Amino acid sequence: MKTKHLKFENHRNRLLPFDQFLKRVIRFALYALALIVFSVGVGTIGYKFLGHLSWIDGFYNACMILTGMGPVSVMPDNEGKLFASFYALFSGIAFLTTIAVFFAPIAHRFLHALHLNEEV
């Protein structure tokens, strides 16, 4: 299985042309969006079935937790509280991972441009 599309050029390669760089940024933005959709989906389903909230309230809580704003609804029982606790821990990692995935090609291009003129 080839994973060439996920590899970045190294310091010996020329800077990627802007149109290809833009395609890479869009692709990584879609990866980040997929992570967000997955994370919100897990939270919405968990809040619906473990927190006994409506779909819209589960979605609202999941979005608020994922963005770091905090919970909105009080969990009625221990299983809801346990889910909310573990989802909050998961959300902190998911948020940072999503940011890293989104900014990876931008940071790589910046660092690559800084090292283009160095002799190896």
N, C-alpha and C. Protein backbone atom coordinates (compact mmCIF):
# COMPACT_ATOMS: atom_id res chain seq x y z
N MET A 1 0.85 -1.19 0.00
CA MET A 1 0.00 0.00 0.00
C MET A 1 0.89 1.24 0.00
N LYS A 2 0.69 2.09 -0.96
CA LYS A 2 1.49 3.31 -1.04
C LYS A 2 0.84 4.42 -0.23
N THR A 3 1.68 5.16 0.49
CA THR A 3 1.18 6.31 1.27
C THR A 3 1.92 7.57 0.83
N LYS A 4 2.25 7.63 -0.45
CA LYS A 4 3.00 8.77 -0.95
C LYS A 4 2.28 10.09 -0.71
N HIS A 5 0.96 10.09 -0.77
CA HIS A 5 0.20 11.32 -0.62
C HIS A 5 0.29 11.89 0.80
N LEU A 6 0.75 11.10 1.78
CA LEU A 6 0.88 11.61 3.14
C LEU A 6 2.29 12.06 3.47
N LYS A 7 3.22 11.79 2.58
CA LYS A 7 4.61 12.15 2.85
C LYS A 7 4.87 13.61 2.48
N PHE A 8 5.73 14.22 3.27
CA PHE A 8 6.16 15.58 2.98
C PHE A 8 7.54 15.51 2.33
N GLU A 9 7.87 16.52 1.55
CA GLU A 9 9.19 16.59 0.95
C GLU A 9 10.23 16.89 2.05
N ASN A 10 11.45 16.42 1.83
CA ASN A 10 12.48 16.68 2.84
C ASN A 10 13.32 17.89 2.46
N HIS A 11 14.32 18.18 3.25
CA HIS A 11 15.10 19.41 3.06
C HIS A 11 15.91 19.42 1.77
N ARG A 12 16.09 18.28 1.14
CA ARG A 12 16.84 18.22 -0.12
C ARG A 12 15.96 18.55 -1.32
N ASN A 13 14.65 18.48 -1.14
CA ASN A 13 13.71 18.75 -2.23
C ASN A 13 13.39 20.23 -2.33
N ARG A 14 12.95 20.63 -3.52
CA ARG A 14 12.51 22.01 -3.71
C ARG A 14 11.19 22.22 -2.99
N LEU A 15 10.87 23.48 -2.77
CA LEU A 15 9.59 23.84 -2.16
C LEU A 15 8.47 23.42 -3.10
N LEU A 16 7.44 22.85 -2.54
CA LEU A 16 6.29 22.38 -3.31
C LEU A 16 5.63 23.57 -4.01
N PRO A 17 5.26 23.44 -5.29
CA PRO A 17 4.54 24.53 -5.97
C PRO A 17 3.26 24.89 -5.21
N PHE A 18 2.87 26.16 -5.31
CA PHE A 18 1.77 26.65 -4.49
C PHE A 18 0.46 25.90 -4.73
N ASP A 19 0.16 25.55 -5.98
CA ASP A 19 -1.10 24.83 -6.24
C ASP A 19 -1.11 23.46 -5.59
N GLN A 20 0.02 22.76 -5.59
CA GLN A 20 0.10 21.47 -4.91
C GLN A 20 0.05 21.64 -3.39
N PHE A 21 0.68 22.71 -2.91
CA PHE A 21 0.61 23.01 -1.48
C PHE A 21 -0.83 23.29 -1.06
N LEU A 22 -1.56 24.04 -1.87
CA LEU A 22 -2.96 24.33 -1.57
C LEU A 22 -3.80 23.06 -1.54
N LYS A 23 -3.54 22.14 -2.46
CA LYS A 23 -4.24 20.85 -2.45
C LYS A 23 -3.93 20.08 -1.16
N ARG A 24 -2.68 20.14 -0.73
CA ARG A 24 -2.29 19.47 0.51
C ARG A 24 -3.00 20.09 1.71
N VAL A 25 -3.07 21.41 1.75
CA VAL A 25 -3.75 22.08 2.86
C VAL A 25 -5.23 21.69 2.88
N ILE A 26 -5.86 21.65 1.73
CA ILE A 26 -7.27 21.26 1.66
C ILE A 26 -7.45 19.82 2.11
N ARG A 27 -6.56 18.93 1.67
CA ARG A 27 -6.65 17.52 2.08
C ARG A 27 -6.52 17.38 3.59
N PHE A 28 -5.57 18.08 4.19
CA PHE A 28 -5.38 18.00 5.63
C PHE A 28 -6.53 18.68 6.38
N ALA A 29 -7.11 19.71 5.80
CA ALA A 29 -8.28 20.34 6.41
C ALA A 29 -9.46 19.36 6.40
N LEU A 30 -9.57 18.56 5.35
CA LEU A 30 -10.62 17.53 5.31
C LEU A 30 -10.36 16.44 6.35
N TYR A 31 -9.10 16.08 6.55
CA TYR A 31 -8.76 15.12 7.62
C TYR A 31 -9.17 15.69 8.98
N ALA A 32 -8.88 16.96 9.20
CA ALA A 32 -9.24 17.61 10.46
C ALA A 32 -10.75 17.66 10.62
N LEU A 33 -11.46 17.96 9.55
CA LEU A 33 -12.92 17.97 9.60
C LEU A 33 -13.47 16.59 9.93
N ALA A 34 -12.87 15.55 9.36
CA ALA A 34 -13.30 14.18 9.67
C ALA A 34 -13.09 13.87 11.15
N LEU A 35 -11.99 14.32 11.71
CA LEU A 35 -11.75 14.13 13.14
C LEU A 35 -12.81 14.85 13.98
N ILE A 36 -13.17 16.04 13.57
CA ILE A 36 -14.19 16.80 14.30
C ILE A 36 -15.54 16.11 14.20
N VAL A 37 -15.92 15.69 13.01
CA VAL A 37 -17.20 15.01 12.82
C VAL A 37 -17.25 13.73 13.64
N PHE A 38 -16.17 12.95 13.63
CA PHE A 38 -16.10 11.73 14.42
C PHE A 38 -16.24 12.04 15.91
N SER A 39 -15.50 13.02 16.38
CA SER A 39 -15.52 13.38 17.80
C SER A 39 -16.89 13.88 18.25
N VAL A 40 -17.49 14.73 17.46
CA VAL A 40 -18.83 15.23 17.80
C VAL A 40 -19.85 14.09 17.73
N GLY A 41 -19.68 13.20 16.77
CA GLY A 41 -20.59 12.05 16.66
C GLY A 41 -20.51 11.15 17.88
N VAL A 42 -19.30 10.85 18.32
CA VAL A 42 -19.13 10.03 19.52
C VAL A 42 -19.79 10.71 20.72
N GLY A 43 -19.56 11.99 20.87
CA GLY A 43 -20.15 12.72 21.98
C GLY A 43 -21.66 12.79 21.92
N THR A 44 -22.19 13.05 20.75
CA THR A 44 -23.65 13.14 20.60
C THR A 44 -24.32 11.82 20.93
N ILE A 45 -23.77 10.72 20.41
CA ILE A 45 -24.34 9.40 20.68
C ILE A 45 -24.21 9.05 22.17
N GLY A 46 -23.04 9.35 22.74
CA GLY A 46 -22.84 9.06 24.16
C GLY A 46 -23.77 9.85 25.05
N TYR A 47 -23.92 11.12 24.77
CA TYR A 47 -24.82 11.95 25.57
C TYR A 47 -26.28 11.52 25.38
N LYS A 48 -26.62 11.06 24.19
CA LYS A 48 -27.99 10.61 23.93
C LYS A 48 -28.31 9.37 24.76
N PHE A 49 -27.44 8.37 24.68
CA PHE A 49 -27.76 7.08 25.29
C PHE A 49 -27.25 6.92 26.72
N LEU A 50 -26.15 7.55 27.06
CA LEU A 50 -25.62 7.42 28.42
C LEU A 50 -26.01 8.60 29.30
N GLY A 51 -26.19 9.76 28.69
CA GLY A 51 -26.57 10.94 29.44
C GLY A 51 -28.05 11.22 29.42
N HIS A 52 -28.79 10.42 28.63
CA HIS A 52 -30.26 10.52 28.54
C HIS A 52 -30.71 11.92 28.11
N LEU A 53 -30.00 12.49 27.14
CA LEU A 53 -30.36 13.80 26.60
C LEU A 53 -31.01 13.60 25.23
N SER A 54 -31.69 14.64 24.75
CA SER A 54 -32.22 14.59 23.38
C SER A 54 -31.05 14.68 22.41
N TRP A 55 -31.31 14.38 21.14
CA TRP A 55 -30.24 14.44 20.13
C TRP A 55 -29.63 15.83 20.06
N ILE A 56 -30.47 16.85 20.05
CA ILE A 56 -29.96 18.21 19.91
C ILE A 56 -29.18 18.64 21.15
N ASP A 57 -29.64 18.23 22.33
CA ASP A 57 -28.90 18.55 23.55
C ASP A 57 -27.59 17.78 23.63
N GLY A 58 -27.60 16.53 23.14
CA GLY A 58 -26.37 15.75 23.09
C GLY A 58 -25.35 16.38 22.15
N PHE A 59 -25.84 16.83 20.99
CA PHE A 59 -24.97 17.51 20.03
C PHE A 59 -24.41 18.80 20.62
N TYR A 60 -25.28 19.55 21.27
CA TYR A 60 -24.88 20.82 21.90
C TYR A 60 -23.81 20.58 22.97
N ASN A 61 -24.04 19.60 23.84
CA ASN A 61 -23.06 19.28 24.87
C ASN A 61 -21.73 18.83 24.26
N ALA A 62 -21.81 17.96 23.25
CA ALA A 62 -20.59 17.45 22.60
C ALA A 62 -19.79 18.60 22.00
N CYS A 63 -20.46 19.51 21.33
CA CYS A 63 -19.77 20.65 20.72
C CYS A 63 -19.15 21.56 21.79
N MET A 64 -19.88 21.79 22.85
CA MET A 64 -19.37 22.66 23.91
C MET A 64 -18.16 22.05 24.62
N ILE A 65 -18.21 20.76 24.87
CA ILE A 65 -17.08 20.08 25.50
C ILE A 65 -15.88 20.06 24.55
N LEU A 66 -16.13 19.73 23.29
CA LEU A 66 -15.04 19.60 22.31
C LEU A 66 -14.31 20.92 22.11
N THR A 67 -15.01 22.03 22.20
CA THR A 67 -14.35 23.33 22.01
C THR A 67 -13.79 23.90 23.31
N GLY A 68 -13.97 23.18 24.40
CA GLY A 68 -13.40 23.63 25.66
C GLY A 68 -14.27 24.58 26.45
N MET A 69 -15.50 24.77 26.04
CA MET A 69 -16.39 25.69 26.74
C MET A 69 -16.95 25.10 28.03
N GLY A 70 -17.06 23.80 28.08
CA GLY A 70 -17.57 23.15 29.28
C GLY A 70 -18.95 22.57 29.07
N PRO A 71 -19.37 21.73 30.02
CA PRO A 71 -20.67 21.07 29.88
C PRO A 71 -21.83 22.04 30.05
N VAL A 72 -22.94 21.70 29.45
CA VAL A 72 -24.15 22.51 29.52
C VAL A 72 -25.18 21.84 30.42
N SER A 73 -25.38 20.54 30.21
CA SER A 73 -26.40 19.80 30.94
C SER A 73 -25.78 19.02 32.10
N VAL A 74 -26.56 18.89 33.15
CA VAL A 74 -26.14 18.09 34.30
C VAL A 74 -26.48 16.64 33.99
N MET A 75 -25.53 15.74 34.26
CA MET A 75 -25.76 14.32 34.02
C MET A 75 -26.58 13.73 35.17
N PRO A 76 -27.65 12.99 34.84
CA PRO A 76 -28.57 12.53 35.87
C PRO A 76 -28.09 11.34 36.71
N ASP A 77 -27.17 10.53 36.16
CA ASP A 77 -26.73 9.35 36.89
C ASP A 77 -25.23 9.13 36.69
N ASN A 78 -24.72 8.08 37.35
CA ASN A 78 -23.29 7.83 37.32
C ASN A 78 -22.76 7.46 35.94
N GLU A 79 -23.53 6.70 35.15
CA GLU A 79 -23.03 6.35 33.82
C GLU A 79 -22.91 7.58 32.93
N GLY A 80 -23.82 8.52 33.05
CA GLY A 80 -23.71 9.78 32.32
C GLY A 80 -22.53 10.60 32.77
N LYS A 81 -22.30 10.61 34.07
CA LYS A 81 -21.16 11.36 34.61
C LYS A 81 -19.84 10.74 34.18
N LEU A 82 -19.77 9.41 34.17
CA LEU A 82 -18.55 8.74 33.72
C LEU A 82 -18.30 9.02 32.24
N PHE A 83 -19.36 8.92 31.43
CA PHE A 83 -19.19 9.22 30.01
C PHE A 83 -18.72 10.65 29.82
N ALA A 84 -19.36 11.59 30.51
CA ALA A 84 -18.99 13.00 30.36
C ALA A 84 -17.54 13.23 30.77
N SER A 85 -17.09 12.54 31.81
CA SER A 85 -15.70 12.69 32.26
C SER A 85 -14.72 12.17 31.21
N PHE A 86 -14.97 10.96 30.70
CA PHE A 86 -14.06 10.39 29.72
C PHE A 86 -14.14 11.13 28.38
N TYR A 87 -15.31 11.60 28.04
CA TYR A 87 -15.44 12.37 26.80
C TYR A 87 -14.69 13.70 26.91
N ALA A 88 -14.70 14.31 28.07
CA ALA A 88 -13.95 15.55 28.27
C ALA A 88 -12.45 15.30 28.11
N LEU A 89 -11.95 14.19 28.66
CA LEU A 89 -10.53 13.85 28.49
C LEU A 89 -10.21 13.58 27.02
N PHE A 90 -11.08 12.82 26.37
CA PHE A 90 -10.91 12.53 24.95
C PHE A 90 -10.93 13.83 24.13
N SER A 91 -11.83 14.73 24.48
CA SER A 91 -11.99 15.97 23.72
C SER A 91 -10.75 16.85 23.76
N GLY A 92 -10.09 16.88 24.91
CA GLY A 92 -8.86 17.67 25.00
C GLY A 92 -7.81 17.17 24.02
N ILE A 93 -7.65 15.86 23.94
CA ILE A 93 -6.68 15.26 23.02
C ILE A 93 -7.15 15.42 21.58
N ALA A 94 -8.44 15.20 21.33
CA ALA A 94 -8.98 15.31 19.97
C ALA A 94 -8.83 16.73 19.44
N PHE A 95 -9.07 17.72 20.28
CA PHE A 95 -8.95 19.12 19.85
C PHE A 95 -7.50 19.43 19.45
N LEU A 96 -6.56 19.04 20.29
CA LEU A 96 -5.15 19.30 19.98
C LEU A 96 -4.69 18.54 18.73
N THR A 97 -5.17 17.31 18.58
CA THR A 97 -4.83 16.52 17.40
C THR A 97 -5.38 17.16 16.13
N THR A 98 -6.60 17.64 16.20
CA THR A 98 -7.22 18.29 15.05
C THR A 98 -6.46 19.54 14.64
N ILE A 99 -6.06 20.33 15.61
CA ILE A 99 -5.27 21.53 15.32
C ILE A 99 -3.93 21.14 14.69
N ALA A 100 -3.30 20.10 15.23
CA ALA A 100 -2.01 19.66 14.69
C ALA A 100 -2.15 19.17 13.25
N VAL A 101 -3.19 18.40 12.97
CA VAL A 101 -3.41 17.89 11.60
C VAL A 101 -3.66 19.06 10.65
N PHE A 102 -4.47 20.01 11.07
CA PHE A 102 -4.78 21.14 10.20
C PHE A 102 -3.54 21.98 9.88
N PHE A 103 -2.71 22.26 10.88
CA PHE A 103 -1.57 23.15 10.68
C PHE A 103 -0.29 22.44 10.23
N ALA A 104 -0.28 21.12 10.16
CA ALA A 104 0.93 20.38 9.79
C ALA A 104 1.50 20.82 8.43
N PRO A 105 0.71 20.89 7.36
CA PRO A 105 1.31 21.28 6.09
C PRO A 105 1.78 22.74 6.07
N ILE A 106 1.11 23.60 6.81
CA ILE A 106 1.50 25.00 6.86
C ILE A 106 2.82 25.16 7.61
N ALA A 107 2.92 24.49 8.75
CA ALA A 107 4.16 24.54 9.54
C ALA A 107 5.30 23.91 8.76
N HIS A 108 5.03 22.80 8.07
CA HIS A 108 6.07 22.15 7.29
C HIS A 108 6.59 23.06 6.19
N ARG A 109 5.70 23.72 5.48
CA ARG A 109 6.12 24.61 4.40
C ARG A 109 6.97 25.76 4.94
N PHE A 110 6.54 26.33 6.07
CA PHE A 110 7.29 27.42 6.68
C PHE A 110 8.70 26.96 7.06
N LEU A 111 8.80 25.82 7.74
CA LEU A 111 10.11 25.32 8.15
C LEU A 111 10.94 24.89 6.94
N HIS A 112 10.30 24.30 5.95
CA HIS A 112 11.01 23.91 4.74
C HIS A 112 11.59 25.14 4.03
N ALA A 113 10.81 26.19 3.94
CA ALA A 113 11.30 27.42 3.28
C ALA A 113 12.48 28.02 4.05
N LEU A 114 12.49 27.91 5.36
CA LEU A 114 13.60 28.43 6.13
C LEU A 114 14.90 27.66 5.90
N HIS A 115 14.79 26.40 5.54
CA HIS A 115 15.97 25.55 5.40
C HIS A 115 16.37 25.30 3.95
N LEU A 116 15.77 25.99 3.00
CA LEU A 116 16.09 25.75 1.59
C LEU A 116 17.53 26.12 1.23
N ASN A 117 18.03 27.19 1.77
CA ASN A 117 19.35 27.67 1.35
C ASN A 117 20.50 27.11 2.17
N GLU A 118 20.20 26.23 3.13
CA GLU A 118 21.26 25.65 3.95
C GLU A 118 21.97 24.55 3.18
N GLU A 119 23.25 24.48 3.34
CA GLU A 119 24.04 23.38 2.77
C GLU A 119 23.98 22.20 3.71
N VAL A 120 23.86 21.03 3.12
CA VAL A 120 23.79 19.81 3.94
C VAL A 120 25.10 19.09 3.90
